[in-house]
Amino acid sequence: MPKGQLEHANLTVTNPQRSAELFEKLCGWHERWRGPAMNGGETIHVGNEMTYLALYTNPDAIGGYDKGVPLNHVGLLVDDLDAAEKIVIEAGLKPFAHADYAPGRRFYFFDWDRIEFEVVSYL
C-alpha cells in the first residue's frame, strides 16, 4: 500500500502577501515561490521544504467565505501555542475555541477572508 502525506493546500485569498507574512511568522515558514497563475491571478507558495500553502488570488477573489463551505478548517502544528496566539492577535485576528484535550492544546481563528484555521501544539 502506498504511503503519503499532505504536500500542499491551495487557498483563494484576497491578499496573498498579507497571508504569506502571517504564516511566515506563525509557522516559521518561508516563501518557496511566487508568480502568475490561472485566470489572471497570482500565487505565493509559503511553507517549508516538504509542505506549503499555495495562496492564490485573482481579480474575482472576494473572501468572506461561509464556514464549512466547502472547507471546515486547515490545521497548523506549532511548537509554541502561546507565541502563535500572540502572532494571530498582533495580526488583528481573534482566536477562539481554546481547548486542551488529547492529543494537544489548540485554538482556532478566521483569517481576513473568513478561512478557518486550527492551531495545535502537542508539547
PDB file of N, CA and C in Angstrom:
ATOM      1  N   MET A   1       0.844  -1.176   0.000  1.00  0.00           N
ATOM      2  CA  MET A   1       0.000   0.000   0.000  1.00  0.00           C
ATOM      3  C   MET A   1       0.895   1.247   0.000  1.00  0.00           C
ATOM      4  N   PRO A   2       0.579   2.242  -0.827  1.00  0.00           N
ATOM      5  CA  PRO A   2       1.368   3.474  -0.831  1.00  0.00           C
ATOM      6  C   PRO A   2       1.228   4.233   0.490  1.00  0.00           C
ATOM      7  N   LYS A   3       2.247   5.012   0.811  1.00  0.00           N
ATOM      8  CA  LYS A   3       2.202   5.911   1.960  1.00  0.00           C
ATOM      9  C   LYS A   3       2.243   7.330   1.435  1.00  0.00           C
ATOM     10  N   GLY A   4       1.590   8.242   2.112  1.00  0.00           N
ATOM     11  CA  GLY A   4       1.564   9.613   1.625  1.00  0.00           C
ATOM     12  C   GLY A   4       1.480  10.616   2.750  1.00  0.00           C
ATOM     13  N   GLN A   5       1.558  11.852   2.367  1.00  0.00           N
ATOM     14  CA  GLN A   5       1.371  12.958   3.299  1.00  0.00           C
ATOM     15  C   GLN A   5       0.831  14.138   2.521  1.00  0.00           C
ATOM     16  N   LEU A   6       0.264  15.090   3.215  1.00  0.00           N
ATOM     17  CA  LEU A   6      -0.246  16.281   2.555  1.00  0.00           C
ATOM     18  C   LEU A   6       0.937  17.107   2.072  1.00  0.00           C
ATOM     19  N   GLU A   7       0.960  17.420   0.788  1.00  0.00           N
ATOM     20  CA  GLU A   7       2.061  18.189   0.198  1.00  0.00           C
ATOM     21  C   GLU A   7       1.723  19.676   0.161  1.00  0.00           C
ATOM     22  N   HIS A   8       0.497  20.026  -0.220  1.00  0.00           N
ATOM     23  CA  HIS A   8       0.082  21.421  -0.178  1.00  0.00           C
ATOM     24  C   HIS A   8      -1.432  21.534  -0.218  1.00  0.00           C
ATOM     25  N   ALA A   9      -1.894  22.706   0.175  1.00  0.00           N
ATOM     26  CA  ALA A   9      -3.292  23.080   0.003  1.00  0.00           C
ATOM     27  C   ALA A   9      -3.283  24.423  -0.723  1.00  0.00           C
ATOM     28  N   ASN A  10      -4.217  24.611  -1.638  1.00  0.00           N
ATOM     29  CA  ASN A  10      -4.294  25.834  -2.433  1.00  0.00           C
ATOM     30  C   ASN A  10      -5.547  26.586  -1.982  1.00  0.00           C
ATOM     31  N   LEU A  11      -5.349  27.784  -1.420  1.00  0.00           N
ATOM     32  CA  LEU A  11      -6.444  28.577  -0.881  1.00  0.00           C
ATOM     33  C   LEU A  11      -6.585  29.879  -1.658  1.00  0.00           C
ATOM     34  N   THR A  12      -7.804  30.263  -1.967  1.00  0.00           N
ATOM     35  CA  THR A  12      -8.056  31.556  -2.603  1.00  0.00           C
ATOM     36  C   THR A  12      -8.212  32.601  -1.508  1.00  0.00           C
ATOM     37  N   VAL A  13      -7.361  33.621  -1.565  1.00  0.00           N
ATOM     38  CA  VAL A  13      -7.369  34.709  -0.592  1.00  0.00           C
ATOM     39  C   VAL A  13      -7.408  36.038  -1.346  1.00  0.00           C
ATOM     40  N   THR A  14      -7.742  37.095  -0.659  1.00  0.00           N
ATOM     41  CA  THR A  14      -7.807  38.399  -1.329  1.00  0.00           C
ATOM     42  C   THR A  14      -6.461  39.118  -1.345  1.00  0.00           C
ATOM     43  N   ASN A  15      -5.554  38.748  -0.440  1.00  0.00           N
ATOM     44  CA  ASN A  15      -4.266  39.405  -0.361  1.00  0.00           C
ATOM     45  C   ASN A  15      -3.190  38.376  -0.018  1.00  0.00           C
ATOM     46  N   PRO A  16      -2.600  37.725  -1.031  1.00  0.00           N
ATOM     47  CA  PRO A  16      -1.629  36.667  -0.761  1.00  0.00           C
ATOM     48  C   PRO A  16      -0.412  37.146   0.028  1.00  0.00           C
ATOM     49  N   GLN A  17       0.038  38.361  -0.204  1.00  0.00           N
ATOM     50  CA  GLN A  17       1.207  38.860   0.517  1.00  0.00           C
ATOM     51  C   GLN A  17       0.920  38.943   2.016  1.00  0.00           C
ATOM     52  N   ARG A  18      -0.226  39.501   2.380  1.00  0.00           N
ATOM     53  CA  ARG A  18      -0.613  39.608   3.795  1.00  0.00           C
ATOM     54  C   ARG A  18      -0.713  38.216   4.418  1.00  0.00           C
ATOM     55  N   SER A  19      -1.342  37.288   3.721  1.00  0.00           N
ATOM     56  CA  SER A  19      -1.485  35.932   4.244  1.00  0.00           C
ATOM     57  C   SER A  19      -0.131  35.246   4.376  1.00  0.00           C
ATOM     58  N   ALA A  20       0.725  35.395   3.381  1.00  0.00           N
ATOM     59  CA  ALA A  20       2.059  34.782   3.426  1.00  0.00           C
ATOM     60  C   ALA A  20       2.845  35.295   4.626  1.00  0.00           C
ATOM     61  N   GLU A  21       2.784  36.590   4.869  1.00  0.00           N
ATOM     62  CA  GLU A  21       3.507  37.166   6.002  1.00  0.00           C
ATOM     63  C   GLU A  21       3.014  36.600   7.330  1.00  0.00           C
ATOM     64  N   LEU A  22       1.701  36.383   7.458  1.00  0.00           N
ATOM     65  CA  LEU A  22       1.161  35.782   8.676  1.00  0.00           C
ATOM     66  C   LEU A  22       1.726  34.385   8.873  1.00  0.00           C
ATOM     67  N   PHE A  23       1.686  33.542   7.845  1.00  0.00           N
ATOM     68  CA  PHE A  23       2.134  32.162   8.002  1.00  0.00           C
ATOM     69  C   PHE A  23       3.648  32.052   8.165  1.00  0.00           C
ATOM     70  N   GLU A  24       4.390  32.989   7.613  1.00  0.00           N
ATOM     71  CA  GLU A  24       5.832  33.009   7.847  1.00  0.00           C
ATOM     72  C   GLU A  24       6.106  33.239   9.330  1.00  0.00           C
ATOM     73  N   LYS A  25       5.402  34.170   9.960  1.00  0.00           N
ATOM     74  CA  LYS A  25       5.582  34.454  11.387  1.00  0.00           C
ATOM     75  C   LYS A  25       5.013  33.342  12.257  1.00  0.00           C
ATOM     76  N   LEU A  26       3.823  32.875  11.909  1.00  0.00           N
ATOM     77  CA  LEU A  26       3.107  31.906  12.734  1.00  0.00           C
ATOM     78  C   LEU A  26       3.782  30.538  12.747  1.00  0.00           C
ATOM     79  N   CYS A  27       4.308  30.128  11.603  1.00  0.00           N
ATOM     80  CA  CYS A  27       4.841  28.768  11.475  1.00  0.00           C
ATOM     81  C   CYS A  27       6.347  28.705  11.218  1.00  0.00           C
ATOM     82  N   GLY A  28       6.999  29.865  11.110  1.00  0.00           N
ATOM     83  CA  GLY A  28       8.419  29.858  10.803  1.00  0.00           C
ATOM     84  C   GLY A  28       8.698  29.407   9.382  1.00  0.00           C
ATOM     85  N   TRP A  29       7.721  29.613   8.496  1.00  0.00           N
ATOM     86  CA  TRP A  29       7.855  29.204   7.101  1.00  0.00           C
ATOM     87  C   TRP A  29       8.568  30.269   6.287  1.00  0.00           C
ATOM     88  N   HIS A  30       8.822  29.955   5.032  1.00  0.00           N
ATOM     89  CA  HIS A  30       9.428  30.912   4.111  1.00  0.00           C
ATOM     90  C   HIS A  30       8.716  30.834   2.761  1.00  0.00           C
ATOM     91  N   GLU A  31       8.898  31.875   1.986  1.00  0.00           N
ATOM     92  CA  GLU A  31       8.329  31.885   0.639  1.00  0.00           C
ATOM     93  C   GLU A  31       9.116  30.925  -0.232  1.00  0.00           C
ATOM     94  N   ARG A  32       8.423  29.981  -0.836  1.00  0.00           N
ATOM     95  CA  ARG A  32       9.053  28.993  -1.719  1.00  0.00           C
ATOM     96  C   ARG A  32       9.005  29.414  -3.182  1.00  0.00           C
ATOM     97  N   TRP A  33       7.933  30.138  -3.545  1.00  0.00           N
ATOM     98  CA  TRP A  33       7.738  30.511  -4.946  1.00  0.00           C
ATOM     99  C   TRP A  33       6.635  31.561  -5.008  1.00  0.00           C
ATOM    100  N   ARG A  34       6.689  32.396  -6.036  1.00  0.00           N
ATOM    101  CA  ARG A  34       5.570  33.282  -6.347  1.00  0.00           C
ATOM    102  C   ARG A  34       5.569  33.512  -7.840  1.00  0.00           C
ATOM    103  N   GLY A  35       4.382  33.750  -8.379  1.00  0.00           N
ATOM    104  CA  GLY A  35       4.300  34.016  -9.794  1.00  0.00           C
ATOM    105  C   GLY A  35       2.877  34.088 -10.290  1.00  0.00           C
ATOM    106  N   PRO A  36       2.750  34.292 -11.601  1.00  0.00           N
ATOM    107  CA  PRO A  36       1.422  34.377 -12.208  1.00  0.00           C
ATOM    108  C   PRO A  36       0.697  33.040 -12.141  1.00  0.00           C
ATOM    109  N   ALA A  37      -0.627  33.125 -12.125  1.00  0.00           N
ATOM    110  CA  ALA A  37      -1.447  31.919 -12.018  1.00  0.00           C
ATOM    111  C   ALA A  37      -2.655  32.055 -12.934  1.00  0.00           C
ATOM    112  N   MET A  38      -3.479  31.022 -12.955  1.00  0.00           N
ATOM    113  CA  MET A  38      -4.631  30.967 -13.856  1.00  0.00           C
ATOM    114  C   MET A  38      -5.579  32.141 -13.634  1.00  0.00           C
ATOM    115  N   ASN A  39      -6.349  32.439 -14.648  1.00  0.00           N
ATOM    116  CA  ASN A  39      -7.402  33.459 -14.607  1.00  0.00           C
ATOM    117  C   ASN A  39      -6.877  34.854 -14.253  1.00  0.00           C
ATOM    118  N   GLY A  40      -5.675  35.153 -14.717  1.00  0.00           N
ATOM    119  CA  GLY A  40      -5.109  36.475 -14.459  1.00  0.00           C
ATOM    120  C   GLY A  40      -4.710  36.691 -13.013  1.00  0.00           C
ATOM    121  N   GLY A  41      -4.495  35.611 -12.287  1.00  0.00           N
ATOM    122  CA  GLY A  41      -4.188  35.709 -10.867  1.00  0.00           C
ATOM    123  C   GLY A  41      -2.710  35.626 -10.564  1.00  0.00           C
ATOM    124  N   GLU A  42      -2.440  35.553  -9.277  1.00  0.00           N
ATOM    125  CA  GLU A  42      -1.083  35.358  -8.792  1.00  0.00           C
ATOM    126  C   GLU A  42      -1.136  34.426  -7.598  1.00  0.00           C
ATOM    127  N   THR A  43      -0.014  33.760  -7.331  1.00  0.00           N
ATOM    128  CA  THR A  43       0.068  32.803  -6.237  1.00  0.00           C
ATOM    129  C   THR A  43       1.390  32.970  -5.515  1.00  0.00           C
ATOM    130  N   ILE A  44       1.351  32.805  -4.200  1.00  0.00           N
ATOM    131  CA  ILE A  44       2.552  32.713  -3.383  1.00  0.00           C
ATOM    132  C   ILE A  44       2.516  31.372  -2.671  1.00  0.00           C
ATOM    133  N   HIS A  45       3.601  30.614  -2.773  1.00  0.00           N
ATOM    134  CA  HIS A  45       3.741  29.367  -2.016  1.00  0.00           C
ATOM    135  C   HIS A  45       4.562  29.689  -0.776  1.00  0.00           C
ATOM    136  N   VAL A  46       4.018  29.402   0.403  1.00  0.00           N
ATOM    137  CA  VAL A  46       4.721  29.632   1.663  1.00  0.00           C
ATOM    138  C   VAL A  46       4.656  28.352   2.484  1.00  0.00           C
ATOM    139  N   GLY A  47       5.826  27.911   2.956  1.00  0.00           N
ATOM    140  CA  GLY A  47       5.878  26.679   3.725  1.00  0.00           C
ATOM    141  C   GLY A  47       7.299  26.324   4.088  1.00  0.00           C
ATOM    142  N   ASN A  48       7.559  25.021   4.143  1.00  0.00           N
ATOM    143  CA  ASN A  48       8.912  24.529   4.389  1.00  0.00           C
ATOM    144  C   ASN A  48       9.330  23.651   3.219  1.00  0.00           C
ATOM    145  N   GLU A  49      10.344  22.854   3.410  1.00  0.00           N
ATOM    146  CA  GLU A  49      10.848  22.052   2.291  1.00  0.00           C
ATOM    147  C   GLU A  49       9.889  20.938   1.865  1.00  0.00           C
ATOM    148  N   MET A  50       8.986  20.526   2.753  1.00  0.00           N
ATOM    149  CA  MET A  50       8.112  19.390   2.467  1.00  0.00           C
ATOM    150  C   MET A  50       6.659  19.774   2.179  1.00  0.00           C
ATOM    151  N   THR A  51       6.157  20.808   2.831  1.00  0.00           N
ATOM    152  CA  THR A  51       4.742  21.160   2.697  1.00  0.00           C
ATOM    153  C   THR A  51       4.580  22.676   2.572  1.00  0.00           C
ATOM    154  N   TYR A  52       3.448  23.098   2.014  1.00  0.00           N
ATOM    155  CA  TYR A  52       3.221  24.528   1.869  1.00  0.00           C
ATOM    156  C   TYR A  52       1.756  24.824   1.637  1.00  0.00           C
ATOM    157  N   LEU A  53       1.427  26.104   1.784  1.00  0.00           N
ATOM    158  CA  LEU A  53       0.138  26.629   1.370  1.00  0.00           C
ATOM    159  C   LEU A  53       0.363  27.432   0.099  1.00  0.00           C
ATOM    160  N   ALA A  54      -0.449  27.177  -0.903  1.00  0.00           N
ATOM    161  CA  ALA A  54      -0.467  27.996  -2.114  1.00  0.00           C
ATOM    162  C   ALA A  54      -1.552  29.039  -1.893  1.00  0.00           C
ATOM    163  N   LEU A  55      -1.155  30.292  -1.826  1.00  0.00           N
ATOM    164  CA  LEU A  55      -2.074  31.396  -1.553  1.00  0.00           C
ATOM    165  C   LEU A  55      -2.354  32.098  -2.868  1.00  0.00           C
ATOM    166  N   TYR A  56      -3.524  31.827  -3.404  1.00  0.00           N
ATOM    167  CA  TYR A  56      -3.899  32.244  -4.760  1.00  0.00           C
ATOM    168  C   TYR A  56      -4.897  33.391  -4.704  1.00  0.00           C
ATOM    169  N   THR A  57      -4.800  34.301  -5.655  1.00  0.00           N
ATOM    170  CA  THR A  57      -5.826  35.319  -5.826  1.00  0.00           C
ATOM    171  C   THR A  57      -6.001  35.617  -7.302  1.00  0.00           C
ATOM    172  N   ASN A  58      -7.133  36.198  -7.637  1.00  0.00           N
ATOM    173  CA  ASN A  58      -7.391  36.707  -8.985  1.00  0.00           C
ATOM    174  C   ASN A  58      -8.346  37.897  -8.835  1.00  0.00           C
ATOM    175  N   PRO A  59      -8.616  38.609  -9.904  1.00  0.00           N
ATOM    176  CA  PRO A  59      -9.469  39.797  -9.781  1.00  0.00           C
ATOM    177  C   PRO A  59     -10.876  39.518  -9.243  1.00  0.00           C
ATOM    178  N   ASP A  60     -11.341  38.266  -9.292  1.00  0.00           N
ATOM    179  CA  ASP A  60     -12.681  37.938  -8.807  1.00  0.00           C
ATOM    180  C   ASP A  60     -12.708  37.466  -7.355  1.00  0.00           C
ATOM    181  N   ALA A  61     -11.545  37.322  -6.704  1.00  0.00           N
ATOM    182  CA  ALA A  61     -11.499  36.839  -5.321  1.00  0.00           C
ATOM    183  C   ALA A  61     -12.142  37.869  -4.394  1.00  0.00           C
ATOM    184  N   ILE A  62     -13.118  37.423  -3.616  1.00  0.00           N
ATOM    185  CA  ILE A  62     -13.843  38.360  -2.752  1.00  0.00           C
ATOM    186  C   ILE A  62     -13.759  38.010  -1.267  1.00  0.00           C
ATOM    187  N   GLY A  63     -13.319  36.810  -0.903  1.00  0.00           N
ATOM    188  CA  GLY A  63     -13.255  36.439   0.504  1.00  0.00           C
ATOM    189  C   GLY A  63     -14.631  36.348   1.120  1.00  0.00           C
ATOM    190  N   GLY A  64     -14.682  36.437   2.461  1.00  0.00           N
ATOM    191  CA  GLY A  64     -15.962  36.378   3.170  1.00  0.00           C
ATOM    192  C   GLY A  64     -16.638  35.028   3.075  1.00  0.00           C
ATOM    193  N   TYR A  65     -15.845  33.957   3.060  1.00  0.00           N
ATOM    194  CA  TYR A  65     -16.386  32.612   2.882  1.00  0.00           C
ATOM    195  C   TYR A  65     -17.265  32.197   4.050  1.00  0.00           C
ATOM    196  N   ASP A  66     -18.261  31.373   3.777  1.00  0.00           N
ATOM    197  CA  ASP A  66     -19.088  30.797   4.822  1.00  0.00           C
ATOM    198  C   ASP A  66     -18.348  29.636   5.468  1.00  0.00           C
ATOM    199  N   LYS A  67     -18.460  29.508   6.776  1.00  0.00           N
ATOM    200  CA  LYS A  67     -17.809  28.419   7.497  1.00  0.00           C
ATOM    201  C   LYS A  67     -18.260  27.076   6.944  1.00  0.00           C
ATOM    202  N   GLY A  68     -17.289  26.241   6.666  1.00  0.00           N
ATOM    203  CA  GLY A  68     -17.587  24.881   6.231  1.00  0.00           C
ATOM    204  C   GLY A  68     -17.957  24.743   4.773  1.00  0.00           C
ATOM    205  N   VAL A  69     -17.820  25.777   3.968  1.00  0.00           N
ATOM    206  CA  VAL A  69     -18.208  25.708   2.557  1.00  0.00           C
ATOM    207  C   VAL A  69     -16.992  25.946   1.686  1.00  0.00           C
ATOM    208  N   PRO A  70     -16.398  24.930   1.121  1.00  0.00           N
ATOM    209  CA  PRO A  70     -16.550  23.517   1.466  1.00  0.00           C
ATOM    210  C   PRO A  70     -15.562  23.079   2.526  1.00  0.00           C
ATOM    211  N   LEU A  71     -14.689  23.956   2.954  1.00  0.00           N
ATOM    212  CA  LEU A  71     -13.593  23.620   3.864  1.00  0.00           C
ATOM    213  C   LEU A  71     -13.986  23.933   5.297  1.00  0.00           C
ATOM    214  N   ASN A  72     -13.809  22.980   6.210  1.00  0.00           N
ATOM    215  CA  ASN A  72     -14.098  23.244   7.616  1.00  0.00           C
ATOM    216  C   ASN A  72     -12.991  24.059   8.268  1.00  0.00           C
ATOM    217  N   HIS A  73     -11.768  23.602   8.165  1.00  0.00           N
ATOM    218  CA  HIS A  73     -10.621  24.384   8.636  1.00  0.00           C
ATOM    219  C   HIS A  73      -9.331  23.731   8.156  1.00  0.00           C
ATOM    220  N   VAL A  74      -8.235  24.496   8.284  1.00  0.00           N
ATOM    221  CA  VAL A  74      -6.890  23.996   7.997  1.00  0.00           C
ATOM    222  C   VAL A  74      -6.178  23.912   9.335  1.00  0.00           C
ATOM    223  N   GLY A  75      -5.590  22.767   9.649  1.00  0.00           N
ATOM    224  CA  GLY A  75      -4.874  22.576  10.897  1.00  0.00           C
ATOM    225  C   GLY A  75      -3.397  22.876  10.737  1.00  0.00           C
ATOM    226  N   LEU A  76      -2.861  23.669  11.657  1.00  0.00           N
ATOM    227  CA  LEU A  76      -1.446  24.025  11.657  1.00  0.00           C
ATOM    228  C   LEU A  76      -0.821  23.561  12.971  1.00  0.00           C
ATOM    229  N   LEU A  77       0.289  22.873  12.908  1.00  0.00           N
ATOM    230  CA  LEU A  77       1.000  22.373  14.079  1.00  0.00           C
ATOM    231  C   LEU A  77       2.135  23.329  14.416  1.00  0.00           C
ATOM    232  N   VAL A  78       2.180  23.798  15.664  1.00  0.00           N
ATOM    233  CA  VAL A  78       3.236  24.702  16.113  1.00  0.00           C
ATOM    234  C   VAL A  78       3.879  24.138  17.382  1.00  0.00           C
ATOM    235  N   ASP A  79       5.077  24.625  17.679  1.00  0.00           N
ATOM    236  CA  ASP A  79       5.759  24.148  18.890  1.00  0.00           C
ATOM    237  C   ASP A  79       5.568  25.073  20.081  1.00  0.00           C
ATOM    238  N   ASP A  80       4.949  26.237  19.892  1.00  0.00           N
ATOM    239  CA  ASP A  80       4.692  27.178  20.981  1.00  0.00           C
ATOM    240  C   ASP A  80       3.327  27.829  20.746  1.00  0.00           C
ATOM    241  N   LEU A  81       2.315  27.258  21.353  1.00  0.00           N
ATOM    242  CA  LEU A  81       0.943  27.712  21.119  1.00  0.00           C
ATOM    243  C   LEU A  81       0.717  29.135  21.626  1.00  0.00           C
ATOM    244  N   ASP A  82       1.288  29.467  22.762  1.00  0.00           N
ATOM    245  CA  ASP A  82       1.088  30.815  23.312  1.00  0.00           C
ATOM    246  C   ASP A  82       1.714  31.874  22.407  1.00  0.00           C
ATOM    247  N   ALA A  83       2.915  31.623  21.910  1.00  0.00           N
ATOM    248  CA  ALA A  83       3.567  32.571  20.987  1.00  0.00           C
ATOM    249  C   ALA A  83       2.765  32.676  19.694  1.00  0.00           C
ATOM    250  N   ALA A  84       2.239  31.557  19.220  1.00  0.00           N
ATOM    251  CA  ALA A  84       1.433  31.564  17.996  1.00  0.00           C
ATOM    252  C   ALA A  84       0.178  32.410  18.186  1.00  0.00           C
ATOM    253  N   GLU A  85      -0.454  32.285  19.342  1.00  0.00           N
ATOM    254  CA  GLU A  85      -1.665  33.071  19.594  1.00  0.00           C
ATOM    255  C   GLU A  85      -1.351  34.566  19.599  1.00  0.00           C
ATOM    256  N   LYS A  86      -0.226  34.951  20.160  1.00  0.00           N
ATOM    257  CA  LYS A  86       0.162  36.370  20.160  1.00  0.00           C
ATOM    258  C   LYS A  86       0.327  36.887  18.730  1.00  0.00           C
ATOM    259  N   ILE A  87       0.897  36.084  17.855  1.00  0.00           N
ATOM    260  CA  ILE A  87       1.077  36.485  16.457  1.00  0.00           C
ATOM    261  C   ILE A  87      -0.270  36.686  15.781  1.00  0.00           C
ATOM    262  N   VAL A  88      -1.211  35.796  16.039  1.00  0.00           N
ATOM    263  CA  VAL A  88      -2.557  35.920  15.472  1.00  0.00           C
ATOM    264  C   VAL A  88      -3.219  37.210  15.959  1.00  0.00           C
ATOM    265  N   ILE A  89      -3.101  37.494  17.239  1.00  0.00           N
ATOM    266  CA  ILE A  89      -3.701  38.702  17.806  1.00  0.00           C
ATOM    267  C   ILE A  89      -3.022  39.948  17.231  1.00  0.00           C
ATOM    268  N   GLU A  90      -1.693  39.933  17.134  1.00  0.00           N
ATOM    269  CA  GLU A  90      -0.964  41.078  16.570  1.00  0.00           C
ATOM    270  C   GLU A  90      -1.365  41.351  15.116  1.00  0.00           C
ATOM    271  N   ALA A  91      -1.810  40.316  14.410  1.00  0.00           N
ATOM    272  CA  ALA A  91      -2.268  40.473  13.031  1.00  0.00           C
ATOM    273  C   ALA A  91      -3.681  41.053  12.960  1.00  0.00           C
ATOM    274  N   GLY A  92      -4.291  41.272  14.130  1.00  0.00           N
ATOM    275  CA  GLY A  92      -5.644  41.828  14.164  1.00  0.00           C
ATOM    276  C   GLY A  92      -6.731  40.777  14.053  1.00  0.00           C
ATOM    277  N   LEU A  93      -6.372  39.518  14.247  1.00  0.00           N
ATOM    278  CA  LEU A  93      -7.325  38.410  14.162  1.00  0.00           C
ATOM    279  C   LEU A  93      -7.669  37.928  15.562  1.00  0.00           C
ATOM    280  N   LYS A  94      -8.806  37.226  15.708  1.00  0.00           N
ATOM    281  CA  LYS A  94      -9.310  36.870  17.032  1.00  0.00           C
ATOM    282  C   LYS A  94      -9.326  35.355  17.247  1.00  0.00           C
ATOM    283  N   PRO A  95      -8.465  34.847  18.134  1.00  0.00           N
ATOM    284  CA  PRO A  95      -8.511  33.428  18.490  1.00  0.00           C
ATOM    285  C   PRO A  95      -9.806  33.095  19.244  1.00  0.00           C
ATOM    286  N   PHE A  96     -10.269  31.861  19.077  1.00  0.00           N
ATOM    287  CA  PHE A  96     -11.463  31.418  19.803  1.00  0.00           C
ATOM    288  C   PHE A  96     -11.396  29.911  19.978  1.00  0.00           C
ATOM    289  N   ALA A  97     -12.343  29.366  20.719  1.00  0.00           N
ATOM    290  CA  ALA A  97     -12.495  27.921  20.940  1.00  0.00           C
ATOM    291  C   ALA A  97     -11.204  27.275  21.439  1.00  0.00           C
ATOM    292  N   HIS A  98     -10.600  27.869  22.453  1.00  0.00           N
ATOM    293  CA  HIS A  98      -9.412  27.288  23.075  1.00  0.00           C
ATOM    294  C   HIS A  98      -9.809  25.971  23.727  1.00  0.00           C
ATOM    295  N   ALA A  99      -8.963  24.966  23.562  1.00  0.00           N
ATOM    296  CA  ALA A  99      -9.259  23.662  24.154  1.00  0.00           C
ATOM    297  C   ALA A  99      -7.958  22.932  24.468  1.00  0.00           C
ATOM    298  N   ASP A 100      -8.042  22.079  25.468  1.00  0.00           N
ATOM    299  CA  ASP A 100      -6.896  21.266  25.874  1.00  0.00           C
ATOM    300  C   ASP A 100      -7.401  19.846  26.078  1.00  0.00           C
ATOM    301  N   TYR A 101      -7.213  19.028  25.069  1.00  0.00           N
ATOM    302  CA  TYR A 101      -7.612  17.628  25.156  1.00  0.00           C
ATOM    303  C   TYR A 101      -6.668  16.801  24.296  1.00  0.00           C
ATOM    304  N   ALA A 102      -6.578  15.514  24.593  1.00  0.00           N
ATOM    305  CA  ALA A 102      -5.645  14.641  23.880  1.00  0.00           C
ATOM    306  C   ALA A 102      -5.938  14.696  22.387  1.00  0.00           C
ATOM    307  N   PRO A 103      -4.936  14.889  21.556  1.00  0.00           N
ATOM    308  CA  PRO A 103      -3.524  14.827  21.928  1.00  0.00           C
ATOM    309  C   PRO A 103      -2.844  16.169  22.118  1.00  0.00           C
ATOM    310  N   GLY A 104      -3.547  17.295  22.265  1.00  0.00           N
ATOM    311  CA  GLY A 104      -2.834  18.560  22.425  1.00  0.00           C
ATOM    312  C   GLY A 104      -3.741  19.727  22.757  1.00  0.00           C
ATOM    313  N   ARG A 105      -3.106  20.885  22.909  1.00  0.00           N
ATOM    314  CA  ARG A 105      -3.819  22.142  23.125  1.00  0.00           C
ATOM    315  C   ARG A 105      -4.051  22.801  21.777  1.00  0.00           C
ATOM    316  N   ARG A 106      -5.104  23.650  21.684  1.00  0.00           N
ATOM    317  CA  ARG A 106      -5.439  24.245  20.400  1.00  0.00           C
ATOM    318  C   ARG A 106      -6.287  25.498  20.557  1.00  0.00           C
ATOM    319  N   PHE A 107      -6.323  26.271  19.497  1.00  0.00           N
ATOM    320  CA  PHE A 107      -7.281  27.359  19.341  1.00  0.00           C
ATOM    321  C   PHE A 107      -7.562  27.497  17.848  1.00  0.00           C
ATOM    322  N   TYR A 108      -8.581  28.258  17.537  1.00  0.00           N
ATOM    323  CA  TYR A 108      -8.990  28.481  16.155  1.00  0.00           C
ATOM    324  C   TYR A 108      -8.998  29.973  15.876  1.00  0.00           C
ATOM    325  N   PHE A 109      -8.929  30.337  14.599  1.00  0.00           N
ATOM    326  CA  PHE A 109      -9.129  31.726  14.189  1.00  0.00           C
ATOM    327  C   PHE A 109      -9.576  31.749  12.737  1.00  0.00           C
ATOM    328  N   PHE A 110     -10.273  32.818  12.379  1.00  0.00           N
ATOM    329  CA  PHE A 110     -10.617  33.086  10.991  1.00  0.00           C
ATOM    330  C   PHE A 110      -9.628  34.117  10.464  1.00  0.00           C
ATOM    331  N   ASP A 111      -9.125  33.913   9.251  1.00  0.00           N
ATOM    332  CA  ASP A 111      -8.270  34.929   8.641  1.00  0.00           C
ATOM    333  C   ASP A 111      -9.140  36.036   8.074  1.00  0.00           C
ATOM    334  N   TRP A 112      -8.542  36.948   7.354  1.00  0.00           N
ATOM    335  CA  TRP A 112      -9.251  38.106   6.814  1.00  0.00           C
ATOM    336  C   TRP A 112     -10.314  37.723   5.790  1.00  0.00           C
ATOM    337  N   ASP A 113     -10.192  36.536   5.187  1.00  0.00           N
ATOM    338  CA  ASP A 113     -11.157  36.066   4.189  1.00  0.00           C
ATOM    339  C   ASP A 113     -12.175  35.094   4.769  1.00  0.00           C
ATOM    340  N   ARG A 114     -12.143  34.931   6.079  1.00  0.00           N
ATOM    341  CA  ARG A 114     -13.007  34.006   6.828  1.00  0.00           C
ATOM    342  C   ARG A 114     -12.681  32.547   6.546  1.00  0.00           C
ATOM    343  N   ILE A 115     -11.419  32.258   6.230  1.00  0.00           N
ATOM    344  CA  ILE A 115     -10.957  30.873   6.195  1.00  0.00           C
ATOM    345  C   ILE A 115     -10.575  30.517   7.623  1.00  0.00           C
ATOM    346  N   GLU A 116     -11.088  29.387   8.106  1.00  0.00           N
ATOM    347  CA  GLU A 116     -10.837  28.992   9.493  1.00  0.00           C
ATOM    348  C   GLU A 116      -9.562  28.151   9.589  1.00  0.00           C
ATOM    349  N   PHE A 117      -8.758  28.454  10.608  1.00  0.00           N
ATOM    350  CA  PHE A 117      -7.539  27.711  10.886  1.00  0.00           C
ATOM    351  C   PHE A 117      -7.582  27.208  12.320  1.00  0.00           C
ATOM    352  N   GLU A 118      -7.118  25.981  12.520  1.00  0.00           N
ATOM    353  CA  GLU A 118      -6.900  25.426  13.855  1.00  0.00           C
ATOM    354  C   GLU A 118      -5.393  25.420  14.077  1.00  0.00           C
ATOM    355  N   VAL A 119      -4.961  25.954  15.214  1.00  0.00           N
ATOM    356  CA  VAL A 119      -3.554  25.951  15.579  1.00  0.00           C
ATOM    357  C   VAL A 119      -3.419  25.032  16.783  1.00  0.00           C
ATOM    358  N   VAL A 120      -2.577  24.007  16.655  1.00  0.00           N
ATOM    359  CA  VAL A 120      -2.454  22.975  17.685  1.00  0.00           C
ATOM    360  C   VAL A 120      -1.001  22.767  18.055  1.00  0.00           C
ATOM    361  N   SER A 121      -0.781  22.421  19.317  1.00  0.00           N
ATOM    362  CA  SER A 121       0.553  22.060  19.791  1.00  0.00           C
ATOM    363  C   SER A 121       0.438  20.782  20.605  1.00  0.00           C
ATOM    364  N   TYR A 122       1.366  19.871  20.375  1.00  0.00           N
ATOM    365  CA  TYR A 122       1.398  18.615  21.131  1.00  0.00           C
ATOM    366  C   TYR A 122       2.410  18.664  22.267  1.00  0.00           C
ATOM    367  N   LEU A 123       3.032  19.828  22.476  1.00  0.00           N
ATOM    368  CA  LEU A 123       4.036  19.955  23.541  1.00  0.00           C
ATOM    369  C   LEU A 123       3.406  20.413  24.831  1.00  0.00           C
TER     370      LEU A 123
END
